[in-house]
PDB file of N, CA and C in Angstrom:
ATOM      1  N   MET A   1     137.086 -34.803 120.878  1.00  0.00           N
ATOM      2  CA  MET A   1     137.326 -33.979 120.021  1.00  0.00           C
ATOM      3  C   MET A   1     136.809 -32.529 121.007  1.00  0.00           C
ATOM      4  N   THR A   2     137.207 -31.642 119.826  1.00  0.00           N
ATOM      5  CA  THR A   2     136.850 -30.276 120.615  1.00  0.00           C
ATOM      6  C   THR A   2     136.538 -29.307 119.745  1.00  0.00           C
ATOM      7  N   LEU A   3     135.515 -28.376 120.086  1.00  0.00           N
ATOM      8  CA  LEU A   3     135.037 -27.139 118.941  1.00  0.00           C
ATOM      9  C   LEU A   3     136.075 -26.088 119.782  1.00  0.00           C
ATOM     10  N   ALA A   4     137.116 -26.287 118.624  1.00  0.00           N
ATOM     11  CA  ALA A   4     137.996 -25.119 119.445  1.00  0.00           C
ATOM     12  C   ALA A   4     137.555 -23.634 119.276  1.00  0.00           C
ATOM     13  N   GLY A   5     136.915 -23.487 118.203  1.00  0.00           N
ATOM     14  CA  GLY A   5     136.400 -21.876 118.144  1.00  0.00           C
ATOM     15  C   GLY A   5     135.121 -21.669 116.730  1.00  0.00           C
ATOM     16  N   ALA A   6     134.165 -20.724 117.491  1.00  0.00           N
ATOM     17  CA  ALA A   6     133.514 -20.225 116.473  1.00  0.00           C
ATOM     18  C   ALA A   6     133.356 -19.073 116.375  1.00  0.00           C
ATOM     19  N   VAL A   7     133.678 -18.178 115.331  1.00  0.00           N
ATOM     20  CA  VAL A   7     133.968 -16.914 115.287  1.00  0.00           C
ATOM     21  C   VAL A   7     133.420 -16.046 114.064  1.00  0.00           C
ATOM     22  N   GLU A   8     132.616 -14.969 114.052  1.00  0.00           N
ATOM     23  CA  GLU A   8     132.104 -13.629 113.005  1.00  0.00           C
ATOM     24  C   GLU A   8     132.921 -13.378 112.651  1.00  0.00           C
ATOM     25  N   ALA A   9     133.420 -13.012 111.535  1.00  0.00           N
ATOM     26  CA  ALA A   9     134.279 -12.741 110.504  1.00  0.00           C
ATOM     27  C   ALA A   9     133.486 -11.710 109.748  1.00  0.00           C
ATOM     28  N   GLY A  10     133.375 -10.579 109.225  1.00  0.00           N
ATOM     29  CA  GLY A  10     132.574 -10.373 108.572  1.00  0.00           C
ATOM     30  C   GLY A  10     131.348 -10.700 107.999  1.00  0.00           C
ATOM     31  N   ARG A  11     130.981 -11.114 106.774  1.00  0.00           N
ATOM     32  CA  ARG A  11     129.885 -11.889 106.225  1.00  0.00           C
ATOM     33  C   ARG A  11     130.424 -13.309 106.651  1.00  0.00           C
ATOM     34  N   TRP A  12     131.230 -14.107 107.454  1.00  0.00           N
ATOM     35  CA  TRP A  12     131.304 -15.466 107.886  1.00  0.00           C
ATOM     36  C   TRP A  12     131.679 -15.740 108.784  1.00  0.00           C
ATOM     37  N   VAL A  13     130.672 -17.024 109.081  1.00  0.00           N
ATOM     38  CA  VAL A  13     131.235 -17.476 110.213  1.00  0.00           C
ATOM     39  C   VAL A  13     132.303 -18.740 110.300  1.00  0.00           C
ATOM     40  N   ARG A  14     133.394 -18.465 111.260  1.00  0.00           N
ATOM     41  CA  ARG A  14     134.440 -19.900 110.971  1.00  0.00           C
ATOM     42  C   ARG A  14     134.524 -20.383 112.019  1.00  0.00           C
ATOM     43  N   LEU A  15     134.135 -21.934 111.823  1.00  0.00           N
ATOM     44  CA  LEU A  15     134.164 -23.144 112.915  1.00  0.00           C
ATOM     45  C   LEU A  15     135.470 -23.771 113.026  1.00  0.00           C
ATOM     46  N   GLU A  16     136.161 -24.223 113.925  1.00  0.00           N
ATOM     47  CA  GLU A  16     137.375 -25.059 113.828  1.00  0.00           C
ATOM     48  C   GLU A  16     137.247 -25.890 114.909  1.00  0.00           C
ATOM     49  N   VAL A  17     137.057 -27.410 114.692  1.00  0.00           N
ATOM     50  CA  VAL A  17     137.295 -28.494 115.300  1.00  0.00           C
ATOM     51  C   VAL A  17     138.559 -29.399 115.186  1.00  0.00           C
ATOM     52  N   ARG A  18     138.900 -29.753 116.627  1.00  0.00           N
ATOM     53  CA  ARG A  18     140.170 -30.243 117.329  1.00  0.00           C
ATOM     54  C   ARG A  18     140.061 -31.316 117.356  1.00  0.00           C
ATOM     55  N   ASP A  19     141.013 -32.700 117.649  1.00  0.00           N
ATOM     56  CA  ASP A  19     140.989 -33.453 118.192  1.00  0.00           C
ATOM     57  C   ASP A  19     142.519 -33.817 118.211  1.00  0.00           C
ATOM     58  N   THR A  20     142.815 -34.631 119.341  1.00  0.00           N
ATOM     59  CA  THR A  20     144.169 -35.266 119.665  1.00  0.00           C
ATOM     60  C   THR A  20     144.388 -36.403 119.167  1.00  0.00           C
ATOM     61  N   GLY A  21     144.093 -37.186 118.621  1.00  0.00           N
ATOM     62  CA  GLY A  21     143.919 -38.550 118.169  1.00  0.00           C
ATOM     63  C   GLY A  21     145.436 -38.215 117.404  1.00  0.00           C
ATOM     64  N   ALA A  22     145.392 -39.716 116.887  1.00  0.00           N
ATOM     65  CA  ALA A  22     146.647 -40.103 115.936  1.00  0.00           C
ATOM     66  C   ALA A  22     147.180 -39.344 114.857  1.00  0.00           C
ATOM     67  N   GLY A  23     146.172 -38.386 114.125  1.00  0.00           N
ATOM     68  CA  GLY A  23     146.806 -37.646 113.165  1.00  0.00           C
ATOM     69  C   GLY A  23     146.104 -38.578 111.923  1.00  0.00           C
ATOM     70  N   ILE A  24     146.688 -37.789 110.586  1.00  0.00           N
ATOM     71  CA  ILE A  24     146.041 -38.592 109.281  1.00  0.00           C
ATOM     72  C   ILE A  24     147.677 -38.245 108.449  1.00  0.00           C
ATOM     73  N   ASP A  25     148.006 -39.572 107.721  1.00  0.00           N
ATOM     74  CA  ASP A  25     148.628 -39.464 107.188  1.00  0.00           C
ATOM     75  C   ASP A  25     149.092 -38.395 106.349  1.00  0.00           C
ATOM     76  N   PRO A  26     150.415 -38.014 106.233  1.00  0.00           N
ATOM     77  CA  PRO A  26     150.426 -36.545 105.092  1.00  0.00           C
ATOM     78  C   PRO A  26     150.322 -37.015 103.514  1.00  0.00           C
ATOM     79  N   ALA A  27     150.261 -38.586 103.076  1.00  0.00           N
ATOM     80  CA  ALA A  27     150.001 -38.748 101.786  1.00  0.00           C
ATOM     81  C   ALA A  27     148.270 -38.765 101.668  1.00  0.00           C
ATOM     82  N   LEU A  28     147.862 -39.331 103.046  1.00  0.00           N
ATOM     83  CA  LEU A  28     146.200 -39.402 102.546  1.00  0.00           C
ATOM     84  C   LEU A  28     145.238 -38.092 102.548  1.00  0.00           C
ATOM     85  N   LEU A  29     146.264 -37.064 103.327  1.00  0.00           N
ATOM     86  CA  LEU A  29     145.658 -35.894 103.674  1.00  0.00           C
ATOM     87  C   LEU A  29     144.817 -34.885 102.773  1.00  0.00           C
ATOM     88  N   PRO A  30     145.239 -34.741 101.022  1.00  0.00           N
ATOM     89  CA  PRO A  30     144.693 -34.070 100.192  1.00  0.00           C
ATOM     90  C   PRO A  30     143.280 -34.936  99.774  1.00  0.00           C
ATOM     91  N   ARG A  31     143.156 -35.856 100.227  1.00  0.00           N
ATOM     92  CA  ARG A  31     142.016 -37.089  99.450  1.00  0.00           C
ATOM     93  C   ARG A  31     140.760 -37.282 100.673  1.00  0.00           C
ATOM     94  N   ILE A  32     141.375 -36.612 101.767  1.00  0.00           N
ATOM     95  CA  ILE A  32     140.383 -37.330 102.995  1.00  0.00           C
ATOM     96  C   ILE A  32     138.663 -36.912 103.047  1.00  0.00           C
ATOM     97  N   PHE A  33     138.549 -35.879 102.014  1.00  0.00           N
ATOM     98  CA  PHE A  33     137.137 -35.464 101.445  1.00  0.00           C
ATOM     99  C   PHE A  33     136.437 -36.102 100.497  1.00  0.00           C
ATOM    100  N   ASP A  34     136.870 -36.857  99.627  1.00  0.00           N
ATOM    101  CA  ASP A  34     136.831 -37.895  99.109  1.00  0.00           C
ATOM    102  C   ASP A  34     136.056 -39.220  99.424  1.00  0.00           C
ATOM    103  N   ARG A  35     135.072 -39.714  98.665  1.00  0.00           N
ATOM    104  CA  ARG A  35     134.326 -40.818  99.451  1.00  0.00           C
ATOM    105  C   ARG A  35     135.336 -41.624  99.777  1.00  0.00           C
ATOM    106  N   PHE A  36     134.660 -42.338 100.662  1.00  0.00           N
ATOM    107  CA  PHE A  36     135.600 -44.107 101.124  1.00  0.00           C
ATOM    108  C   PHE A  36     136.744 -43.803 100.946  1.00  0.00           C
ATOM    109  N   VAL A  37     137.652 -43.020 100.942  1.00  0.00           N
ATOM    110  CA  VAL A  37     139.238 -42.455 101.867  1.00  0.00           C
ATOM    111  C   VAL A  37     138.978 -42.846 103.431  1.00  0.00           C
ATOM    112  N   THR A  38     139.670 -44.052 103.658  1.00  0.00           N
ATOM    113  CA  THR A  38     140.466 -44.111 105.426  1.00  0.00           C
ATOM    114  C   THR A  38     141.623 -44.253 105.168  1.00  0.00           C
ATOM    115  N   GLY A  39     142.005 -44.220 106.391  1.00  0.00           N
ATOM    116  CA  GLY A  39     143.547 -44.594 106.842  1.00  0.00           C
ATOM    117  C   GLY A  39     143.147 -46.102 106.933  1.00  0.00           C
ATOM    118  N   ASP A  40     144.628 -46.280 107.184  1.00  0.00           N
ATOM    119  CA  ASP A  40     144.983 -48.034 107.797  1.00  0.00           C
ATOM    120  C   ASP A  40     144.198 -48.397 109.088  1.00  0.00           C
ATOM    121  N   ASP A  41     144.003 -47.396 109.799  1.00  0.00           N
ATOM    122  CA  ASP A  41     143.752 -47.789 111.260  1.00  0.00           C
ATOM    123  C   ASP A  41     142.251 -47.169 111.360  1.00  0.00           C
ATOM    124  N   SER A  42     141.800 -46.546 110.270  1.00  0.00           N
ATOM    125  CA  SER A  42     140.311 -46.388 110.624  1.00  0.00           C
ATOM    126  C   SER A  42     139.120 -47.548 110.728  1.00  0.00           C
ATOM    127  N   ARG A  43     138.140 -47.252 111.534  1.00  0.00           N
ATOM    128  CA  ARG A  43     137.033 -47.643 111.851  1.00  0.00           C
ATOM    129  C   ARG A  43     135.942 -47.112 111.048  1.00  0.00           C
ATOM    130  N   GLY A  44     136.120 -46.380 110.149  1.00  0.00           N
ATOM    131  CA  GLY A  44     134.875 -45.755 109.660  1.00  0.00           C
ATOM    132  C   GLY A  44     134.724 -45.867 108.256  1.00  0.00           C
ATOM    133  N   THR A  45     133.820 -45.445 107.632  1.00  0.00           N
ATOM    134  CA  THR A  45     133.509 -46.034 106.146  1.00  0.00           C
ATOM    135  C   THR A  45     133.888 -44.821 105.280  1.00  0.00           C
ATOM    136  N   GLY A  46     134.646 -43.661 105.225  1.00  0.00           N
ATOM    137  CA  GLY A  46     135.216 -42.830 104.413  1.00  0.00           C
ATOM    138  C   GLY A  46     134.308 -41.841 104.047  1.00  0.00           C
ATOM    139  N   LEU A  47     132.755 -41.655 105.020  1.00  0.00           N
ATOM    140  CA  LEU A  47     131.789 -40.735 104.516  1.00  0.00           C
ATOM    141  C   LEU A  47     131.691 -39.698 105.080  1.00  0.00           C
ATOM    142  N   GLY A  48     131.698 -39.563 106.245  1.00  0.00           N
ATOM    143  CA  GLY A  48     131.774 -38.585 106.961  1.00  0.00           C
ATOM    144  C   GLY A  48     132.305 -37.423 106.499  1.00  0.00           C
ATOM    145  N   LEU A  49     133.664 -36.818 106.225  1.00  0.00           N
ATOM    146  CA  LEU A  49     134.019 -35.791 105.623  1.00  0.00           C
ATOM    147  C   LEU A  49     133.890 -35.610 104.092  1.00  0.00           C
ATOM    148  N   ALA A  50     133.558 -36.540 103.369  1.00  0.00           N
ATOM    149  CA  ALA A  50     132.842 -36.494 101.992  1.00  0.00           C
ATOM    150  C   ALA A  50     131.488 -35.797 102.318  1.00  0.00           C
ATOM    151  N   ILE A  51     130.868 -36.112 103.359  1.00  0.00           N
ATOM    152  CA  ILE A  51     129.120 -35.515 103.611  1.00  0.00           C
ATOM    153  C   ILE A  51     129.669 -34.128 103.956  1.00  0.00           C
ATOM    154  N   ALA A  52     130.281 -34.454 105.185  1.00  0.00           N
ATOM    155  CA  ALA A  52     130.579 -32.563 105.612  1.00  0.00           C
ATOM    156  C   ALA A  52     130.695 -31.838 104.411  1.00  0.00           C
ATOM    157  N   ARG A  53     131.820 -32.301 103.709  1.00  0.00           N
ATOM    158  CA  ARG A  53     132.010 -31.373 102.155  1.00  0.00           C
ATOM    159  C   ARG A  53     130.820 -30.937 101.298  1.00  0.00           C
ATOM    160  N   GLN A  54     130.143 -31.798 101.121  1.00  0.00           N
ATOM    161  CA  GLN A  54     129.221 -31.299 100.382  1.00  0.00           C
ATOM    162  C   GLN A  54     128.027 -30.493 100.346  1.00  0.00           C
ATOM    163  N   LEU A  55     128.182 -30.568 102.051  1.00  0.00           N
ATOM    164  CA  LEU A  55     127.028 -30.072 102.887  1.00  0.00           C
ATOM    165  C   LEU A  55     127.831 -28.630 102.890  1.00  0.00           C
ATOM    166  N   VAL A  56     128.637 -28.483 103.237  1.00  0.00           N
ATOM    167  CA  VAL A  56     129.337 -27.016 103.411  1.00  0.00           C
ATOM    168  C   VAL A  56     129.250 -26.436 102.052  1.00  0.00           C
ATOM    169  N   LEU A  57     129.885 -26.910 100.581  1.00  0.00           N
ATOM    170  CA  LEU A  57     129.817 -26.581  99.683  1.00  0.00           C
ATOM    171  C   LEU A  57     128.574 -25.924  99.166  1.00  0.00           C
ATOM    172  N   ALA A  58     127.594 -27.042  99.725  1.00  0.00           N
ATOM    173  CA  ALA A  58     126.242 -26.457  99.362  1.00  0.00           C
ATOM    174  C   ALA A  58     125.494 -25.148  99.809  1.00  0.00           C
ATOM    175  N   HIS A  59     126.340 -24.807 100.930  1.00  0.00           N
ATOM    176  CA  HIS A  59     126.009 -23.383 101.661  1.00  0.00           C
ATOM    177  C   HIS A  59     126.651 -22.139 100.959  1.00  0.00           C
ATOM    178  N   GLY A  60     127.822 -22.582 100.215  1.00  0.00           N
ATOM    179  CA  GLY A  60     128.441 -21.587  99.836  1.00  0.00           C
ATOM    180  C   GLY A  60     129.675 -21.386 100.455  1.00  0.00           C
ATOM    181  N   GLY A  61     129.956 -22.614 101.316  1.00  0.00           N
ATOM    182  CA  GLY A  61     131.375 -22.419 102.142  1.00  0.00           C
ATOM    183  C   GLY A  61     132.578 -22.920 101.952  1.00  0.00           C
ATOM    184  N   GLU A  62     133.704 -23.318 102.713  1.00  0.00           N
ATOM    185  CA  GLU A  62     134.651 -23.956 102.290  1.00  0.00           C
ATOM    186  C   GLU A  62     135.276 -24.350 103.583  1.00  0.00           C
ATOM    187  N   ILE A  63     136.037 -25.534 103.235  1.00  0.00           N
ATOM    188  CA  ILE A  63     136.320 -26.565 104.332  1.00  0.00           C
ATOM    189  C   ILE A  63     137.733 -27.143 103.726  1.00  0.00           C
ATOM    190  N   ASP A  64     138.244 -27.271 105.305  1.00  0.00           N
ATOM    191  CA  ASP A  64     139.780 -27.750 104.856  1.00  0.00           C
ATOM    192  C   ASP A  64     140.717 -28.537 106.255  1.00  0.00           C
ATOM    193  N   ALA A  65     141.392 -28.803 106.296  1.00  0.00           N
ATOM    194  CA  ALA A  65     141.990 -30.029 107.392  1.00  0.00           C
ATOM    195  C   ALA A  65     143.422 -29.645 107.270  1.00  0.00           C
ATOM    196  N   GLU A  66     144.183 -29.742 108.359  1.00  0.00           N
ATOM    197  CA  GLU A  66     145.759 -30.007 108.601  1.00  0.00           C
ATOM    198  C   GLU A  66     145.749 -30.487 109.989  1.00  0.00           C
ATOM    199  N   SER A  67     146.921 -31.779 109.535  1.00  0.00           N
ATOM    200  CA  SER A  67     146.570 -32.742 110.180  1.00  0.00           C
ATOM    201  C   SER A  67     148.394 -33.223 110.249  1.00  0.00           C
ATOM    202  N   SER A  68     148.894 -33.234 111.540  1.00  0.00           N
ATOM    203  CA  SER A  68     150.028 -34.087 111.587  1.00  0.00           C
ATOM    204  C   SER A  68     150.207 -35.753 112.486  1.00  0.00           C
ATOM    205  N   PRO A  69     151.017 -36.180 111.585  1.00  0.00           N
ATOM    206  CA  PRO A  69     150.736 -38.177 112.557  1.00  0.00           C
ATOM    207  C   PRO A  69     150.992 -37.716 114.279  1.00  0.00           C
ATOM    208  N   GLY A  70     150.108 -38.226 114.815  1.00  0.00           N
ATOM    209  CA  GLY A  70     150.602 -38.104 116.048  1.00  0.00           C
ATOM    210  C   GLY A  70     150.548 -36.782 117.143  1.00  0.00           C
ATOM    211  N   ALA A  71     149.828 -35.891 115.997  1.00  0.00           N
ATOM    212  CA  ALA A  71     149.710 -34.472 117.060  1.00  0.00           C
ATOM    213  C   ALA A  71     148.047 -34.160 116.982  1.00  0.00           C
ATOM    214  N   GLY A  72     147.696 -35.111 115.728  1.00  0.00           N
ATOM    215  CA  GLY A  72     145.680 -34.681 116.070  1.00  0.00           C
ATOM    216  C   GLY A  72     145.219 -33.883 114.502  1.00  0.00           C
ATOM    217  N   THR A  73     144.419 -34.158 114.257  1.00  0.00           N
ATOM    218  CA  THR A  73     143.737 -32.739 112.987  1.00  0.00           C
ATOM    219  C   THR A  73     142.597 -31.796 113.575  1.00  0.00           C
ATOM    220  N   THR A  74     142.634 -30.771 112.814  1.00  0.00           N
ATOM    221  CA  THR A  74     141.953 -29.710 112.792  1.00  0.00           C
ATOM    222  C   THR A  74     141.158 -29.515 111.077  1.00  0.00           C
ATOM    223  N   ILE A  75     139.754 -29.419 112.034  1.00  0.00           N
ATOM    224  CA  ILE A  75     139.062 -29.406 110.381  1.00  0.00           C
ATOM    225  C   ILE A  75     138.724 -27.537 110.407  1.00  0.00           C
ATOM    226  N   ARG A  76     138.729 -26.873 109.933  1.00  0.00           N
ATOM    227  CA  ARG A  76     137.863 -25.791 109.603  1.00  0.00           C
ATOM    228  C   ARG A  76     136.931 -25.492 108.462  1.00  0.00           C
ATOM    229  N   VAL A  77     136.099 -24.877 108.703  1.00  0.00           N
ATOM    230  CA  VAL A  77     134.793 -24.689 107.998  1.00  0.00           C
ATOM    231  C   VAL A  77     134.544 -23.430 108.488  1.00  0.00           C
ATOM    232  N   ARG A  78     133.832 -22.600 107.075  1.00  0.00           N
ATOM    233  CA  ARG A  78     133.565 -21.323 106.422  1.00  0.00           C
ATOM    234  C   ARG A  78     132.239 -20.849 105.918  1.00  0.00           C
ATOM    235  N   LEU A  79     131.628 -20.585 106.588  1.00  0.00           N
ATOM    236  CA  LEU A  79     130.468 -20.457 106.080  1.00  0.00           C
ATOM    237  C   LEU A  79     129.866 -18.709 105.897  1.00  0.00           C
ATOM    238  N   PRO A  80     128.986 -18.834 104.932  1.00  0.00           N
ATOM    239  CA  PRO A  80     128.576 -17.163 104.697  1.00  0.00           C
ATOM    240  C   PRO A  80     127.643 -17.044 105.601  1.00  0.00           C
ATOM    241  N   LEU A  81     127.493 -15.500 106.541  1.00  0.00           N
ATOM    242  CA  LEU A  81     126.110 -15.452 107.279  1.00  0.00           C
ATOM    243  C   LEU A  81     125.034 -15.007 106.497  1.00  0.00           C
ATOM    244  N   THR A  82     123.749 -15.478 106.651  1.00  0.00           N
ATOM    245  CA  THR A  82     123.078 -14.887 105.560  1.00  0.00           C
ATOM    246  C   THR A  82     121.721 -14.195 106.926  1.00  0.00           C
ATOM    247  N   GLY A  83     120.973 -13.294 106.649  1.00  0.00           N
ATOM    248  CA  GLY A  83     119.932 -12.931 106.793  1.00  0.00           C
ATOM    249  C   GLY A  83     120.544 -11.553 107.773  1.00  0.00           C
ATOM    250  N   GLY A  84     119.268 -11.272 108.434  1.00  0.00           N
ATOM    251  CA  GLY A  84     119.564  -9.941 109.292  1.00  0.00           C
ATOM    252  C   GLY A  84     120.778  -9.967 110.372  1.00  0.00           C
TER     253      GLY A  84
END
């Protein structure tokens, strides 16, 4: 997994994390931020992305994913900047 970038954009910071794994089945992709959703090959519980989504939303941000089978997955997070 690679932190592909962290960029300040106005009053926001954008983070992008990319891997080169097996990718996510397109039919599953719309549900990956739901609790306990896992792919057939997953070794996880299906909680990690659900927790990440809740944390991002709690801070007023957005999270999304892009994936292609065989080509890996990219997770993008957008968070508001606060303070000076």
